[in-house]
PDB file of N, CA and C in Angstrom:
ATOM      1  N   MET A   1      96.742  -4.216   3.747  1.00  0.00           N
ATOM      2  CA  MET A   1      97.904  -3.433   3.894  1.00  0.00           C
ATOM      3  C   MET A   1      97.759  -2.641   5.288  1.00  0.00           C
ATOM      4  N   LYS A   2      98.686  -2.544   6.065  1.00  0.00           N
ATOM      5  CA  LYS A   2      98.717  -1.871   7.221  1.00  0.00           C
ATOM      6  C   LYS A   2      98.795  -0.383   7.153  1.00  0.00           C
ATOM      7  N   THR A   3      97.951   0.358   7.768  1.00  0.00           N
ATOM      8  CA  THR A   3      97.995   1.749   7.897  1.00  0.00           C
ATOM      9  C   THR A   3      98.654   2.153   9.114  1.00  0.00           C
ATOM     10  N   THR A   4      99.480   3.003   9.083  1.00  0.00           N
ATOM     11  CA  THR A   4     100.399   3.397  10.271  1.00  0.00           C
ATOM     12  C   THR A   4      99.578   4.683  10.571  1.00  0.00           C
ATOM     13  N   LYS A   5      99.458   4.894  12.111  1.00  0.00           N
ATOM     14  CA  LYS A   5      98.912   6.126  12.531  1.00  0.00           C
ATOM     15  C   LYS A   5      99.963   6.912  13.327  1.00  0.00           C
ATOM     16  N   ILE A   6     100.269   8.113  12.656  1.00  0.00           N
ATOM     17  CA  ILE A   6     101.374   8.992  13.308  1.00  0.00           C
ATOM     18  C   ILE A   6     100.870  10.171  13.711  1.00  0.00           C
ATOM     19  N   LEU A   7     101.123  10.638  14.958  1.00  0.00           N
ATOM     20  CA  LEU A   7     100.806  11.881  15.531  1.00  0.00           C
ATOM     21  C   LEU A   7     101.983  12.844  15.358  1.00  0.00           C
ATOM     22  N   ILE A   8     101.611  14.054  14.602  1.00  0.00           N
ATOM     23  CA  ILE A   8     102.626  15.035  14.583  1.00  0.00           C
ATOM     24  C   ILE A   8     102.213  16.190  15.377  1.00  0.00           C
ATOM     25  N   VAL A   9     103.127  16.393  16.548  1.00  0.00           N
ATOM     26  CA  VAL A   9     102.864  17.402  17.359  1.00  0.00           C
ATOM     27  C   VAL A   9     103.751  18.599  17.054  1.00  0.00           C
ATOM     28  N   GLU A  10     103.324  19.597  16.526  1.00  0.00           N
ATOM     29  CA  GLU A  10     104.234  20.702  15.884  1.00  0.00           C
ATOM     30  C   GLU A  10     103.471  22.017  15.770  1.00  0.00           C
ATOM     31  N   ASP A  11     104.002  23.196  16.289  1.00  0.00           N
ATOM     32  CA  ASP A  11     103.256  24.425  16.273  1.00  0.00           C
ATOM     33  C   ASP A  11     103.491  25.180  14.979  1.00  0.00           C
ATOM     34  N   ASN A  12     104.407  24.601  14.248  1.00  0.00           N
ATOM     35  CA  ASN A  12     104.615  25.323  12.841  1.00  0.00           C
ATOM     36  C   ASN A  12     103.974  24.494  11.728  1.00  0.00           C
ATOM     37  N   PHE A  13     102.927  25.226  11.306  1.00  0.00           N
ATOM     38  CA  PHE A  13     102.158  24.642  10.197  1.00  0.00           C
ATOM     39  C   PHE A  13     102.768  24.000   8.986  1.00  0.00           C
ATOM     40  N   ILE A  14     103.885  24.861   8.558  1.00  0.00           N
ATOM     41  CA  ILE A  14     104.629  24.503   7.375  1.00  0.00           C
ATOM     42  C   ILE A  14     105.490  23.156   7.677  1.00  0.00           C
ATOM     43  N   ASN A  15     106.000  23.021   8.919  1.00  0.00           N
ATOM     44  CA  ASN A  15     106.727  21.735   9.251  1.00  0.00           C
ATOM     45  C   ASN A  15     105.767  20.721   9.238  1.00  0.00           C
ATOM     46  N   THR A  16     104.498  20.757   9.880  1.00  0.00           N
ATOM     47  CA  THR A  16     103.590  19.777   9.840  1.00  0.00           C
ATOM     48  C   THR A  16     103.345  19.338   8.422  1.00  0.00           C
ATOM     49  N   LYS A  17     103.072  20.185   7.558  1.00  0.00           N
ATOM     50  CA  LYS A  17     102.774  19.941   6.091  1.00  0.00           C
ATOM     51  C   LYS A  17     104.047  19.260   5.524  1.00  0.00           C
ATOM     52  N   LEU A  18     105.168  19.606   5.851  1.00  0.00           N
ATOM     53  CA  LEU A  18     106.360  19.202   5.382  1.00  0.00           C
ATOM     54  C   LEU A  18     106.532  17.670   5.716  1.00  0.00           C
ATOM     55  N   TYR A  19     106.305  17.437   7.045  1.00  0.00           N
ATOM     56  CA  TYR A  19     106.497  15.908   7.312  1.00  0.00           C
ATOM     57  C   TYR A  19     105.465  15.091   6.784  1.00  0.00           C
ATOM     58  N   GLN A  20     104.199  15.643   6.463  1.00  0.00           N
ATOM     59  CA  GLN A  20     103.242  14.900   5.776  1.00  0.00           C
ATOM     60  C   GLN A  20     103.385  14.729   4.425  1.00  0.00           C
ATOM     61  N   ALA A  21     104.082  15.611   3.577  1.00  0.00           N
ATOM     62  CA  ALA A  21     104.616  15.500   2.333  1.00  0.00           C
ATOM     63  C   ALA A  21     105.638  14.399   2.322  1.00  0.00           C
ATOM     64  N   TYR A  22     106.434  14.402   3.250  1.00  0.00           N
ATOM     65  CA  TYR A  22     107.634  13.400   3.311  1.00  0.00           C
ATOM     66  C   TYR A  22     107.033  11.982   3.225  1.00  0.00           C
ATOM     67  N   LEU A  23     105.938  11.946   3.862  1.00  0.00           N
ATOM     68  CA  LEU A  23     105.325  10.607   4.181  1.00  0.00           C
ATOM     69  C   LEU A  23     104.203  10.345   3.365  1.00  0.00           C
ATOM     70  N   ASN A  24     103.943  11.051   2.309  1.00  0.00           N
ATOM     71  CA  ASN A  24     102.738  11.028   1.487  1.00  0.00           C
ATOM     72  C   ASN A  24     102.644   9.775   0.678  1.00  0.00           C
ATOM     73  N   ASN A  25     103.761   9.149   0.337  1.00  0.00           N
ATOM     74  CA  ASN A  25     103.706   7.883  -0.498  1.00  0.00           C
ATOM     75  C   ASN A  25     103.373   6.568   0.335  1.00  0.00           C
ATOM     76  N   PHE A  26     103.049   6.871   1.672  1.00  0.00           N
ATOM     77  CA  PHE A  26     102.926   5.799   2.406  1.00  0.00           C
ATOM     78  C   PHE A  26     101.454   5.537   3.020  1.00  0.00           C
ATOM     79  N   GLN A  27     101.076   4.395   3.370  1.00  0.00           N
ATOM     80  CA  GLN A  27      99.878   4.213   4.008  1.00  0.00           C
ATOM     81  C   GLN A  27      99.933   4.745   5.396  1.00  0.00           C
ATOM     82  N   ILE A  28      99.576   5.998   5.642  1.00  0.00           N
ATOM     83  CA  ILE A  28      99.583   6.558   6.985  1.00  0.00           C
ATOM     84  C   ILE A  28      98.568   7.419   7.218  1.00  0.00           C
ATOM     85  N   GLU A  29      97.910   7.161   8.515  1.00  0.00           N
ATOM     86  CA  GLU A  29      96.874   8.103   8.862  1.00  0.00           C
ATOM     87  C   GLU A  29      97.519   9.235   9.696  1.00  0.00           C
ATOM     88  N   PHE A  30      97.347  10.428   9.462  1.00  0.00           N
ATOM     89  CA  PHE A  30      98.050  11.605  10.314  1.00  0.00           C
ATOM     90  C   PHE A  30      96.953  12.143  11.290  1.00  0.00           C
ATOM     91  N   ILE A  31      97.452  12.308  12.514  1.00  0.00           N
ATOM     92  CA  ILE A  31      96.694  13.127  13.417  1.00  0.00           C
ATOM     93  C   ILE A  31      97.734  14.301  13.837  1.00  0.00           C
ATOM     94  N   THR A  32      97.254  15.533  14.030  1.00  0.00           N
ATOM     95  CA  THR A  32      98.070  16.563  14.190  1.00  0.00           C
ATOM     96  C   THR A  32      97.609  17.264  15.420  1.00  0.00           C
ATOM     97  N   ALA A  33      98.595  18.092  16.123  1.00  0.00           N
ATOM     98  CA  ALA A  33      98.446  18.899  17.290  1.00  0.00           C
ATOM     99  C   ALA A  33      99.224  19.975  17.232  1.00  0.00           C
ATOM    100  N   GLU A  34      98.942  21.113  17.745  1.00  0.00           N
ATOM    101  CA  GLU A  34      99.542  22.346  17.503  1.00  0.00           C
ATOM    102  C   GLU A  34     100.552  22.790  18.821  1.00  0.00           C
ATOM    103  N   ASN A  35     100.148  22.057  19.906  1.00  0.00           N
ATOM    104  CA  ASN A  35     101.062  22.163  21.120  1.00  0.00           C
ATOM    105  C   ASN A  35     101.034  20.807  21.924  1.00  0.00           C
ATOM    106  N   GLY A  36     101.856  20.960  22.908  1.00  0.00           N
ATOM    107  CA  GLY A  36     102.055  19.556  23.664  1.00  0.00           C
ATOM    108  C   GLY A  36     100.945  19.168  24.420  1.00  0.00           C
ATOM    109  N   LEU A  37     100.033  20.109  24.986  1.00  0.00           N
ATOM    110  CA  LEU A  37      98.814  19.729  25.593  1.00  0.00           C
ATOM    111  C   LEU A  37      97.995  19.133  24.748  1.00  0.00           C
ATOM    112  N   GLU A  38      97.740  19.665  23.583  1.00  0.00           N
ATOM    113  CA  GLU A  38      96.877  18.911  22.694  1.00  0.00           C
ATOM    114  C   GLU A  38      97.361  17.728  22.104  1.00  0.00           C
ATOM    115  N   GLY A  39      98.665  17.528  21.964  1.00  0.00           N
ATOM    116  CA  GLY A  39      99.275  16.384  21.507  1.00  0.00           C
ATOM    117  C   GLY A  39      99.031  15.136  22.567  1.00  0.00           C
ATOM    118  N   MET A  40      99.249  15.486  23.965  1.00  0.00           N
ATOM    119  CA  MET A  40      98.995  14.591  25.020  1.00  0.00           C
ATOM    120  C   MET A  40      97.447  14.113  24.958  1.00  0.00           C
ATOM    121  N   ASN A  41      96.539  15.020  24.775  1.00  0.00           N
ATOM    122  CA  ASN A  41      95.196  14.550  24.674  1.00  0.00           C
ATOM    123  C   ASN A  41      94.991  13.801  23.483  1.00  0.00           C
ATOM    124  N   LYS A  42      95.610  14.067  22.278  1.00  0.00           N
ATOM    125  CA  LYS A  42      95.259  13.209  21.178  1.00  0.00           C
ATOM    126  C   LYS A  42      95.764  11.845  21.315  1.00  0.00           C
ATOM    127  N   VAL A  43      96.801  11.638  22.141  1.00  0.00           N
ATOM    128  CA  VAL A  43      97.231  10.269  22.407  1.00  0.00           C
ATOM    129  C   VAL A  43      96.391   9.618  23.348  1.00  0.00           C
ATOM    130  N   LYS A  44      95.730  10.254  24.284  1.00  0.00           N
ATOM    131  CA  LYS A  44      94.712   9.645  25.144  1.00  0.00           C
ATOM    132  C   LYS A  44      93.580   9.166  24.341  1.00  0.00           C
ATOM    133  N   ASN A  45      93.139  10.100  23.321  1.00  0.00           N
ATOM    134  CA  ASN A  45      91.953   9.670  22.418  1.00  0.00           C
ATOM    135  C   ASN A  45      92.199   8.764  21.274  1.00  0.00           C
ATOM    136  N   ASN A  46      93.661   8.557  21.046  1.00  0.00           N
ATOM    137  CA  ASN A  46      93.951   7.587  19.850  1.00  0.00           C
ATOM    138  C   ASN A  46      95.148   6.706  20.559  1.00  0.00           C
ATOM    139  N   PRO A  47      94.614   5.666  21.406  1.00  0.00           N
ATOM    140  CA  PRO A  47      95.621   4.780  21.942  1.00  0.00           C
ATOM    141  C   PRO A  47      96.282   4.015  21.052  1.00  0.00           C
ATOM    142  N   ASP A  48      95.706   3.867  19.775  1.00  0.00           N
ATOM    143  CA  ASP A  48      96.374   2.971  18.896  1.00  0.00           C
ATOM    144  C   ASP A  48      97.432   3.726  17.983  1.00  0.00           C
ATOM    145  N   THR A  49      97.726   4.794  18.414  1.00  0.00           N
ATOM    146  CA  THR A  49      98.882   5.641  17.778  1.00  0.00           C
ATOM    147  C   THR A  49     100.105   4.921  17.648  1.00  0.00           C
ATOM    148  N   ASP A  50     100.610   4.739  16.500  1.00  0.00           N
ATOM    149  CA  ASP A  50     101.887   3.862  16.272  1.00  0.00           C
ATOM    150  C   ASP A  50     103.130   4.627  16.472  1.00  0.00           C
ATOM    151  N   LEU A  51     103.048   5.973  16.443  1.00  0.00           N
ATOM    152  CA  LEU A  51     104.357   6.680  16.494  1.00  0.00           C
ATOM    153  C   LEU A  51     104.107   8.266  16.598  1.00  0.00           C
ATOM    154  N   ILE A  52     104.939   9.054  17.413  1.00  0.00           N
ATOM    155  CA  ILE A  52     104.688  10.441  17.565  1.00  0.00           C
ATOM    156  C   ILE A  52     105.941  11.205  17.294  1.00  0.00           C
ATOM    157  N   ILE A  53     105.606  12.201  16.331  1.00  0.00           N
ATOM    158  CA  ILE A  53     106.814  13.064  16.156  1.00  0.00           C
ATOM    159  C   ILE A  53     106.627  14.311  16.814  1.00  0.00           C
ATOM    160  N   MET A  54     107.407  14.693  17.811  1.00  0.00           N
ATOM    161  CA  MET A  54     107.048  15.650  18.885  1.00  0.00           C
ATOM    162  C   MET A  54     108.202  16.865  18.763  1.00  0.00           C
ATOM    163  N   ASN A  55     107.644  18.036  18.538  1.00  0.00           N
ATOM    164  CA  ASN A  55     108.489  19.330  18.490  1.00  0.00           C
ATOM    165  C   ASN A  55     108.843  19.560  19.901  1.00  0.00           C
ATOM    166  N   TYR A  56     110.232  20.067  20.057  1.00  0.00           N
ATOM    167  CA  TYR A  56     110.724  20.307  21.319  1.00  0.00           C
ATOM    168  C   TYR A  56     110.170  21.683  21.848  1.00  0.00           C
ATOM    169  N   MET A  57     110.191  22.804  21.124  1.00  0.00           N
ATOM    170  CA  MET A  57     109.690  23.980  21.641  1.00  0.00           C
ATOM    171  C   MET A  57     108.327  24.349  21.054  1.00  0.00           C
ATOM    172  N   MET A  58     107.226  24.487  21.884  1.00  0.00           N
ATOM    173  CA  MET A  58     105.963  24.880  21.297  1.00  0.00           C
ATOM    174  C   MET A  58     105.325  25.664  22.571  1.00  0.00           C
ATOM    175  N   PRO A  59     104.313  26.531  22.293  1.00  0.00           N
ATOM    176  CA  PRO A  59     103.423  27.143  23.221  1.00  0.00           C
ATOM    177  C   PRO A  59     102.685  26.235  24.044  1.00  0.00           C
ATOM    178  N   VAL A  60     102.104  26.749  25.135  1.00  0.00           N
ATOM    179  CA  VAL A  60     101.128  26.077  25.967  1.00  0.00           C
ATOM    180  C   VAL A  60     101.917  24.971  26.705  1.00  0.00           C
ATOM    181  N   MET A  61     102.464  23.973  25.925  1.00  0.00           N
ATOM    182  CA  MET A  61     103.301  22.825  26.836  1.00  0.00           C
ATOM    183  C   MET A  61     104.205  22.283  25.743  1.00  0.00           C
ATOM    184  N   ASP A  62     105.461  22.437  26.196  1.00  0.00           N
ATOM    185  CA  ASP A  62     106.540  21.966  25.192  1.00  0.00           C
ATOM    186  C   ASP A  62     106.675  20.554  25.116  1.00  0.00           C
ATOM    187  N   GLY A  63     107.545  20.039  24.131  1.00  0.00           N
ATOM    188  CA  GLY A  63     107.568  18.638  23.875  1.00  0.00           C
ATOM    189  C   GLY A  63     108.094  17.804  24.986  1.00  0.00           C
ATOM    190  N   MET A  64     109.034  18.240  25.614  1.00  0.00           N
ATOM    191  CA  MET A  64     109.535  17.507  26.856  1.00  0.00           C
ATOM    192  C   MET A  64     108.453  17.339  27.938  1.00  0.00           C
ATOM    193  N   GLU A  65     107.743  18.263  28.282  1.00  0.00           N
ATOM    194  CA  GLU A  65     106.688  18.011  29.234  1.00  0.00           C
ATOM    195  C   GLU A  65     105.545  17.403  28.629  1.00  0.00           C
ATOM    196  N   ALA A  66     105.247  17.371  27.449  1.00  0.00           N
ATOM    197  CA  ALA A  66     104.177  16.632  26.819  1.00  0.00           C
ATOM    198  C   ALA A  66     104.587  15.046  26.877  1.00  0.00           C
ATOM    199  N   THR A  67     105.883  14.817  26.524  1.00  0.00           N
ATOM    200  CA  THR A  67     106.246  13.445  26.415  1.00  0.00           C
ATOM    201  C   THR A  67     106.422  12.782  27.777  1.00  0.00           C
ATOM    202  N   ARG A  68     106.766  13.603  28.867  1.00  0.00           N
ATOM    203  CA  ARG A  68     106.804  13.122  30.203  1.00  0.00           C
ATOM    204  C   ARG A  68     105.335  12.793  30.671  1.00  0.00           C
ATOM    205  N   LYS A  69     104.379  13.683  30.323  1.00  0.00           N
ATOM    206  CA  LYS A  69     103.010  13.304  30.700  1.00  0.00           C
ATOM    207  C   LYS A  69     102.485  12.150  29.904  1.00  0.00           C
ATOM    208  N   ILE A  70     102.695  11.986  28.617  1.00  0.00           N
ATOM    209  CA  ILE A  70     102.382  10.887  27.886  1.00  0.00           C
ATOM    210  C   ILE A  70     102.886   9.546  28.583  1.00  0.00           C
ATOM    211  N   ARG A  71     104.123   9.555  28.974  1.00  0.00           N
ATOM    212  CA  ARG A  71     104.683   8.337  29.445  1.00  0.00           C
ATOM    213  C   ARG A  71     104.071   7.859  30.805  1.00  0.00           C
ATOM    214  N   GLU A  72     103.171   8.917  31.368  1.00  0.00           N
ATOM    215  CA  GLU A  72     102.612   8.473  32.739  1.00  0.00           C
ATOM    216  C   GLU A  72     101.389   7.387  32.255  1.00  0.00           C
ATOM    217  N   PHE A  73     100.969   7.361  31.005  1.00  0.00           N
ATOM    218  CA  PHE A  73      99.946   6.605  30.555  1.00  0.00           C
ATOM    219  C   PHE A  73     100.178   5.829  29.424  1.00  0.00           C
ATOM    220  N   ASN A  74     101.078   5.975  28.614  1.00  0.00           N
ATOM    221  CA  ASN A  74     101.466   5.174  27.607  1.00  0.00           C
ATOM    222  C   ASN A  74     103.030   5.109  27.471  1.00  0.00           C
ATOM    223  N   LYS A  75     103.540   3.992  27.877  1.00  0.00           N
ATOM    224  CA  LYS A  75     104.851   3.700  28.048  1.00  0.00           C
ATOM    225  C   LYS A  75     105.617   3.213  26.639  1.00  0.00           C
ATOM    226  N   THR A  76     104.797   2.767  25.831  1.00  0.00           N
ATOM    227  CA  THR A  76     105.240   2.046  24.532  1.00  0.00           C
ATOM    228  C   THR A  76     105.310   2.837  23.269  1.00  0.00           C
ATOM    229  N   VAL A  77     104.490   3.753  23.078  1.00  0.00           N
ATOM    230  CA  VAL A  77     104.434   4.478  21.728  1.00  0.00           C
ATOM    231  C   VAL A  77     105.771   5.005  21.554  1.00  0.00           C
ATOM    232  N   PRO A  78     106.432   4.917  20.442  1.00  0.00           N
ATOM    233  CA  PRO A  78     107.705   5.518  20.114  1.00  0.00           C
ATOM    234  C   PRO A  78     107.548   7.015  19.914  1.00  0.00           C
ATOM    235  N   VAL A  79     108.385   7.749  20.613  1.00  0.00           N
ATOM    236  CA  VAL A  79     108.413   9.306  20.330  1.00  0.00           C
ATOM    237  C   VAL A  79     109.726   9.632  19.940  1.00  0.00           C
ATOM    238  N   ILE A  80     109.687  10.422  18.850  1.00  0.00           N
ATOM    239  CA  ILE A  80     110.930  11.009  18.100  1.00  0.00           C
ATOM    240  C   ILE A  80     110.723  12.523  18.280  1.00  0.00           C
ATOM    241  N   MET A  81     111.747  13.166  19.095  1.00  0.00           N
ATOM    242  CA  MET A  81     111.675  14.562  19.366  1.00  0.00           C
ATOM    243  C   MET A  81     112.595  15.297  18.165  1.00  0.00           C
ATOM    244  N   THR A  82     111.818  16.468  17.771  1.00  0.00           N
ATOM    245  CA  THR A  82     112.466  17.108  16.683  1.00  0.00           C
ATOM    246  C   THR A  82     112.845  18.486  17.278  1.00  0.00           C
ATOM    247  N   SER A  83     113.975  19.073  16.856  1.00  0.00           N
ATOM    248  CA  SER A  83     114.190  20.491  17.274  1.00  0.00           C
ATOM    249  C   SER A  83     115.038  21.206  16.325  1.00  0.00           C
ATOM    250  N   ALA A  84     114.634  22.562  16.082  1.00  0.00           N
ATOM    251  CA  ALA A  84     115.616  23.418  15.284  1.00  0.00           C
ATOM    252  C   ALA A  84     116.177  24.380  16.278  1.00  0.00           C
ATOM    253  N   ALA A  85     116.072  24.103  17.532  1.00  0.00           N
ATOM    254  CA  ALA A  85     116.561  25.051  18.590  1.00  0.00           C
ATOM    255  C   ALA A  85     118.015  25.028  18.577  1.00  0.00           C
ATOM    256  N   ILE A  86     118.681  26.185  19.057  1.00  0.00           N
ATOM    257  CA  ILE A  86     120.176  25.996  19.224  1.00  0.00           C
ATOM    258  C   ILE A  86     120.481  25.451  20.410  1.00  0.00           C
ATOM    259  N   VAL A  87     120.368  24.178  20.359  1.00  0.00           N
ATOM    260  CA  VAL A  87     120.679  23.283  21.480  1.00  0.00           C
ATOM    261  C   VAL A  87     121.471  22.228  21.007  1.00  0.00           C
ATOM    262  N   SER A  88     122.583  21.876  21.685  1.00  0.00           N
ATOM    263  CA  SER A  88     123.644  20.899  21.071  1.00  0.00           C
ATOM    264  C   SER A  88     122.769  19.391  21.072  1.00  0.00           C
ATOM    265  N   SER A  89     123.245  18.886  19.990  1.00  0.00           N
ATOM    266  CA  SER A  89     122.562  17.513  19.778  1.00  0.00           C
ATOM    267  C   SER A  89     122.805  16.502  20.980  1.00  0.00           C
ATOM    268  N   SER A  90     123.883  16.551  21.660  1.00  0.00           N
ATOM    269  CA  SER A  90     124.116  15.736  22.703  1.00  0.00           C
ATOM    270  C   SER A  90     123.177  16.210  23.876  1.00  0.00           C
ATOM    271  N   ASP A  91     122.986  17.657  24.106  1.00  0.00           N
ATOM    272  CA  ASP A  91     121.975  18.018  25.116  1.00  0.00           C
ATOM    273  C   ASP A  91     120.597  17.468  24.894  1.00  0.00           C
ATOM    274  N   LEU A  92     120.244  17.790  23.616  1.00  0.00           N
ATOM    275  CA  LEU A  92     118.984  17.467  23.262  1.00  0.00           C
ATOM    276  C   LEU A  92     118.648  15.893  23.322  1.00  0.00           C
ATOM    277  N   MET A  93     119.603  15.064  23.014  1.00  0.00           N
ATOM    278  CA  MET A  93     119.539  13.703  23.073  1.00  0.00           C
ATOM    279  C   MET A  93     119.254  13.260  24.580  1.00  0.00           C
ATOM    280  N   LYS A  94     120.124  13.836  25.310  1.00  0.00           N
ATOM    281  CA  LYS A  94     120.139  13.554  26.937  1.00  0.00           C
ATOM    282  C   LYS A  94     118.690  13.922  27.501  1.00  0.00           C
ATOM    283  N   LYS A  95     118.397  14.998  27.256  1.00  0.00           N
ATOM    284  CA  LYS A  95     117.118  15.539  27.709  1.00  0.00           C
ATOM    285  C   LYS A  95     115.971  14.852  27.218  1.00  0.00           C
ATOM    286  N   SER A  96     115.951  14.420  25.912  1.00  0.00           N
ATOM    287  CA  SER A  96     114.968  13.557  25.297  1.00  0.00           C
ATOM    288  C   SER A  96     114.725  12.367  26.029  1.00  0.00           C
ATOM    289  N   GLU A  97     115.999  11.489  26.218  1.00  0.00           N
ATOM    290  CA  GLU A  97     115.954  10.230  26.860  1.00  0.00           C
ATOM    291  C   GLU A  97     115.316  10.415  28.096  1.00  0.00           C
ATOM    292  N   GLU A  98     115.716  11.354  28.953  1.00  0.00           N
ATOM    293  CA  GLU A  98     115.319  11.506  30.436  1.00  0.00           C
ATOM    294  C   GLU A  98     113.806  11.565  30.504  1.00  0.00           C
ATOM    295  N   VAL A  99     113.127  12.115  29.544  1.00  0.00           N
ATOM    296  CA  VAL A  99     111.711  12.291  29.442  1.00  0.00           C
ATOM    297  C   VAL A  99     110.919  11.050  28.775  1.00  0.00           C
ATOM    298  N   GLY A 100     111.715  10.343  28.351  1.00  0.00           N
ATOM    299  CA  GLY A 100     110.993   9.166  27.655  1.00  0.00           C
ATOM    300  C   GLY A 100     111.039   8.896  26.143  1.00  0.00           C
ATOM    301  N   CYS A 101     111.755   9.972  25.497  1.00  0.00           N
ATOM    302  CA  CYS A 101     111.753   9.881  24.029  1.00  0.00           C
ATOM    303  C   CYS A 101     112.614   8.656  23.605  1.00  0.00           C
ATOM    304  N   ASN A 102     112.294   8.301  22.400  1.00  0.00           N
ATOM    305  CA  ASN A 102     113.119   6.961  21.747  1.00  0.00           C
ATOM    306  C   ASN A 102     114.251   7.491  20.876  1.00  0.00           C
ATOM    307  N   ASP A 103     113.933   8.716  20.442  1.00  0.00           N
ATOM    308  CA  ASP A 103     115.180   9.271  19.520  1.00  0.00           C
ATOM    309  C   ASP A 103     114.886  10.725  19.390  1.00  0.00           C
ATOM    310  N   TYR A 104     115.691  11.422  18.579  1.00  0.00           N
ATOM    311  CA  TYR A 104     115.768  12.741  18.251  1.00  0.00           C
ATOM    312  C   TYR A 104     116.059  13.115  16.924  1.00  0.00           C
ATOM    313  N   LEU A 105     115.674  14.213  16.402  1.00  0.00           N
ATOM    314  CA  LEU A 105     116.123  14.728  15.086  1.00  0.00           C
ATOM    315  C   LEU A 105     116.476  16.107  15.137  1.00  0.00           C
ATOM    316  N   THR A 106     117.465  16.565  14.696  1.00  0.00           N
ATOM    317  CA  THR A 106     117.739  18.109  14.671  1.00  0.00           C
ATOM    318  C   THR A 106     117.204  18.465  13.246  1.00  0.00           C
ATOM    319  N   VAL A 107     116.552  19.595  13.109  1.00  0.00           N
ATOM    320  CA  VAL A 107     115.871  20.043  11.825  1.00  0.00           C
ATOM    321  C   VAL A 107     116.899  21.219  11.560  1.00  0.00           C
ATOM    322  N   PRO A 108     117.471  21.201  10.171  1.00  0.00           N
ATOM    323  CA  PRO A 108     116.884  20.245   9.092  1.00  0.00           C
ATOM    324  C   PRO A 108     117.506  19.028   9.085  1.00  0.00           C
ATOM    325  N   PHE A 109     116.836  17.967   8.545  1.00  0.00           N
ATOM    326  CA  PHE A 109     117.410  16.657   8.276  1.00  0.00           C
ATOM    327  C   PHE A 109     117.122  16.182   6.960  1.00  0.00           C
ATOM    328  N   ARG A 110     117.904  14.936   6.770  1.00  0.00           N
ATOM    329  CA  ARG A 110     117.721  14.440   5.300  1.00  0.00           C
ATOM    330  C   ARG A 110     116.399  13.580   5.291  1.00  0.00           C
ATOM    331  N   LEU A 111     115.857  13.547   4.290  1.00  0.00           N
ATOM    332  CA  LEU A 111     114.601  12.582   4.231  1.00  0.00           C
ATOM    333  C   LEU A 111     114.968  11.201   4.553  1.00  0.00           C
ATOM    334  N   THR A 112     115.962  10.579   4.088  1.00  0.00           N
ATOM    335  CA  THR A 112     116.411   9.270   4.286  1.00  0.00           C
ATOM    336  C   THR A 112     116.520   9.053   5.736  1.00  0.00           C
ATOM    337  N   GLN A 113     117.168   9.983   6.381  1.00  0.00           N
ATOM    338  CA  GLN A 113     117.364   9.727   7.899  1.00  0.00           C
ATOM    339  C   GLN A 113     115.991   9.793   8.577  1.00  0.00           C
ATOM    340  N   PHE A 114     115.101  10.722   8.223  1.00  0.00           N
ATOM    341  CA  PHE A 114     113.846  10.765   8.736  1.00  0.00           C
ATOM    342  C   PHE A 114     113.068   9.490   8.625  1.00  0.00           C
ATOM    343  N   LEU A 115     112.963   8.920   7.363  1.00  0.00           N
ATOM    344  CA  LEU A 115     112.299   7.757   7.227  1.00  0.00           C
ATOM    345  C   LEU A 115     112.826   6.425   7.761  1.00  0.00           C
ATOM    346  N   GLN A 116     114.330   6.433   7.936  1.00  0.00           N
ATOM    347  CA  GLN A 116     114.938   5.337   8.788  1.00  0.00           C
ATOM    348  C   GLN A 116     114.606   5.476  10.112  1.00  0.00           C
ATOM    349  N   LYS A 117     114.545   6.633  10.700  1.00  0.00           N
ATOM    350  CA  LYS A 117     114.403   6.457  12.252  1.00  0.00           C
ATOM    351  C   LYS A 117     112.934   6.183  12.433  1.00  0.00           C
ATOM    352  N   ILE A 118     111.933   6.495  11.647  1.00  0.00           N
ATOM    353  CA  ILE A 118     110.715   5.949  11.696  1.00  0.00           C
ATOM    354  C   ILE A 118     110.373   4.666  11.634  1.00  0.00           C
ATOM    355  N   GLU A 119     110.898   4.186  10.607  1.00  0.00           N
ATOM    356  CA  GLU A 119     110.911   2.688  10.416  1.00  0.00           C
ATOM    357  C   GLU A 119     111.519   1.643  11.641  1.00  0.00           C
ATOM    358  N   ASP A 120     112.648   2.377  12.000  1.00  0.00           N
ATOM    359  CA  ASP A 120     113.387   1.659  13.023  1.00  0.00           C
ATOM    360  C   ASP A 120     112.624   1.525  14.237  1.00  0.00           C
ATOM    361  N   HIS A 121     111.795   2.664  14.603  1.00  0.00           N
ATOM    362  CA  HIS A 121     111.033   2.660  15.954  1.00  0.00           C
ATOM    363  C   HIS A 121     109.795   2.004  15.647  1.00  0.00           C
ATOM    364  N   LEU A 122     109.192   1.924  14.442  1.00  0.00           N
ATOM    365  CA  LEU A 122     108.052   1.071  14.252  1.00  0.00           C
ATOM    366  C   LEU A 122     108.295  -0.353  14.232  1.00  0.00           C
ATOM    367  N   GLY A 123     109.608  -0.679  13.805  1.00  0.00           N
ATOM    368  CA  GLY A 123     109.936  -2.104  13.651  1.00  0.00           C
ATOM    369  C   GLY A 123     109.477  -2.780  12.425  1.00  0.00           C
ATOM    370  N   TYR A 124     109.143  -1.948  11.559  1.00  0.00           N
ATOM    371  CA  TYR A 124     108.561  -2.446  10.114  1.00  0.00           C
ATOM    372  C   TYR A 124     108.744  -1.367   9.122  1.00  0.00           C
ATOM    373  N   GLN A 125     108.915  -1.937   7.751  1.00  0.00           N
ATOM    374  CA  GLN A 125     108.799  -0.880   6.764  1.00  0.00           C
ATOM    375  C   GLN A 125     107.410  -0.338   6.508  1.00  0.00           C
ATOM    376  N   LEU A 126     107.419   0.971   6.133  1.00  0.00           N
ATOM    377  CA  LEU A 126     106.217   1.649   5.936  1.00  0.00           C
ATOM    378  C   LEU A 126     105.617   1.000   4.731  1.00  0.00           C
ATOM    379  N   THR A 127     104.373   0.977   4.507  1.00  0.00           N
ATOM    380  CA  THR A 127     103.749   0.250   3.305  1.00  0.00           C
ATOM    381  C   THR A 127     103.513   1.498   2.413  1.00  0.00           C
ATOM    382  N   LYS A 128     103.879   1.334   1.123  1.00  0.00           N
ATOM    383  CA  LYS A 128     103.562   2.296   0.150  1.00  0.00           C
ATOM    384  C   LYS A 128     102.236   2.364  -0.430  1.00  0.00           C
ATOM    385  N   LYS A 129     101.770   3.370  -0.865  1.00  0.00           N
ATOM    386  CA  LYS A 129     100.184   3.435  -1.237  1.00  0.00           C
ATOM    387  C   LYS A 129     100.212   2.723  -2.677  1.00  0.00           C
TER     388      LYS A 129
END
């Protein structure tokens, strides 16, 4: 069975735990980071990361800057930007694409939408435990 490695870059501990709970029934190894700088370093130290869930607004380094820097050394790992910010969806989508994100989700979102985006960008269905 394939274990999928997902990096969650999120400064809100509750959101991190929520994402992990959503994905708890699947064969996933989680890596977490609390800001964009830490997330960027985790990608460098885990080049086999299959997907990144990146928060938009964080301390130290925001998700846009972190994604831009990740793209300097890893152009292939899918990045899904998340945001609860009061930014229009079209603005967030445009900004996310400009820095190299593959997709975006505004928070709150539906679980089915979350899982579908992850599987779409992985290119395979997640393996259940």
